[in-house]
């Protein structure tokens, strides 16, 4: 089946430097630093990345961080809970913008 997102492309992520090595090196340096243990554990960061992957709807990230969270000992229940947190924030963000609509409606209707 042909898709826009070829799962095999995830393994090619490191090749983004082929067209601009200097910028890719800077990105990967930053990326690797972000995911090091710090105030948050690597496991916690992986769960956050999984949730964010769903909000930005990146199938490559979803695959990568599903695998990563499982490898770091997360359960299926924890993965799904992270996805629900992402969905709640995304839904809430849409709904809170309804206040903008309500404010504008009141202004226009006056």
Protein backbone atom coordinates (compact mmCIF):
# COMPACT_ATOMS: atom_id res chain seq x y z
CA UNK A 1 0.00 0.00 0.00
CA UNK A 2 1.35 3.41 -0.94
CA UNK A 3 1.24 6.13 1.69
CA UNK A 4 2.56 9.65 2.06
CA UNK A 5 4.49 8.47 5.11
CA UNK A 6 6.78 5.57 4.38
CA UNK A 7 7.81 3.95 7.70
CA UNK A 8 11.22 3.17 6.17
CA UNK A 9 11.88 6.92 5.92
CA UNK A 10 12.19 7.17 9.71
CA UNK A 11 15.52 5.36 9.48
CA UNK A 12 16.69 8.03 7.02
CA UNK A 13 16.20 10.88 9.52
CA UNK A 14 19.94 11.21 10.03
CA UNK A 15 20.32 11.98 6.35
CA UNK A 16 18.67 15.40 6.69
CA UNK A 17 22.23 16.68 6.89
CA UNK A 18 22.94 15.67 3.32
CA UNK A 19 21.78 19.05 2.06
CA UNK A 20 23.03 21.16 5.00
CA UNK A 21 25.36 19.35 7.38
CA UNK A 22 26.09 22.34 9.61
CA UNK A 23 22.43 22.98 10.45
CA UNK A 24 21.69 19.28 10.87
CA UNK A 25 24.63 18.91 13.25
CA UNK A 26 23.31 21.82 15.32
CA UNK A 27 19.83 20.33 15.40
CA UNK A 28 21.01 16.86 16.42
CA UNK A 29 23.32 18.31 19.05
CA UNK A 30 20.38 20.23 20.55
CA UNK A 31 18.01 17.28 20.17
CA UNK A 32 20.36 14.87 21.93
CA UNK A 33 20.99 17.36 24.73
CA UNK A 34 17.24 17.83 25.28
CA UNK A 35 16.66 14.10 25.76
CA UNK A 36 19.46 13.59 28.31
CA UNK A 37 18.53 12.91 31.92
CA UNK A 38 17.96 16.15 33.78
CA UNK A 39 15.19 17.45 35.99
CA UNK A 40 13.04 14.94 34.05
CA UNK A 41 13.99 11.33 33.50
CA UNK A 42 14.58 10.03 29.99
CA UNK A 43 11.41 7.97 30.47
CA UNK A 44 9.34 11.05 31.35
CA UNK A 45 10.77 12.95 28.38
CA UNK A 46 9.89 10.04 26.11
CA UNK A 47 6.26 10.06 27.32
CA UNK A 48 6.09 13.82 26.75
CA UNK A 49 7.51 13.33 23.25
CA UNK A 50 4.89 10.65 22.56
CA UNK A 51 2.09 12.99 23.62
CA UNK A 52 3.49 15.90 21.60
CA UNK A 53 3.90 13.58 18.60
CA UNK A 54 0.16 13.07 18.66
CA UNK A 55 -0.64 16.77 18.90
CA UNK A 56 1.62 17.60 15.94
CA UNK A 57 0.39 14.42 14.20
CA UNK A 58 3.81 13.15 13.16
CA UNK A 59 3.56 9.45 12.27
CA UNK A 60 7.34 9.08 12.34
CA UNK A 61 7.52 10.53 15.85
CA UNK A 62 4.57 8.41 16.99
CA UNK A 63 6.36 5.26 15.81
CA UNK A 64 9.71 6.32 17.26
CA UNK A 65 8.38 7.36 20.67
CA UNK A 66 6.01 4.42 20.96
CA UNK A 67 9.03 2.17 20.60
CA UNK A 68 11.16 4.38 22.87
CA UNK A 69 8.61 4.53 25.69
CA UNK A 70 8.11 0.76 25.57
CA UNK A 71 11.88 0.24 25.66
CA UNK A 72 12.02 2.51 28.71
CA UNK A 73 9.52 0.32 30.53
CA UNK A 74 6.25 2.18 30.00
CA UNK A 75 3.04 0.18 29.87
CA UNK A 76 0.37 0.33 27.19
CA UNK A 77 -1.88 2.02 29.75
CA UNK A 78 0.71 4.76 30.33
CA UNK A 79 1.12 5.32 26.60
CA UNK A 80 -2.63 5.67 26.12
CA UNK A 81 -2.92 7.98 29.12
CA UNK A 82 -0.24 10.22 27.58
CA UNK A 83 -2.22 10.28 24.32
CA UNK A 84 -5.38 11.24 26.23
CA UNK A 85 -3.51 14.08 27.95
CA UNK A 86 -2.47 15.32 24.50
CA UNK A 87 -6.04 15.03 23.22
CA UNK A 88 -7.43 16.91 26.22
CA UNK A 89 -4.96 19.76 25.78
CA UNK A 90 -5.56 19.92 22.04
CA UNK A 91 -9.34 19.86 22.50
CA UNK A 92 -9.16 22.42 25.29
CA UNK A 93 -7.04 24.71 23.15
CA UNK A 94 -9.69 24.60 20.42
CA UNK A 95 -12.49 25.23 22.88
CA UNK A 96 -10.79 28.10 24.69
CA UNK A 97 -10.51 29.87 21.35
CA UNK A 98 -14.30 29.84 21.43
CA UNK A 99 -13.95 32.73 23.89
CA UNK A 100 -12.33 34.71 21.06
CA UNK A 101 -15.33 33.90 18.87
CA UNK A 102 -17.76 34.84 21.65
CA UNK A 103 -15.98 38.15 22.28
CA UNK A 104 -15.99 38.97 18.57
CA UNK A 105 -19.65 37.95 18.21
CA UNK A 106 -20.65 40.29 21.06
CA UNK A 107 -18.66 43.10 19.49
CA UNK A 108 -20.23 42.58 16.04
CA UNK A 109 -23.76 42.18 17.43
CA UNK A 110 -23.65 45.44 19.39
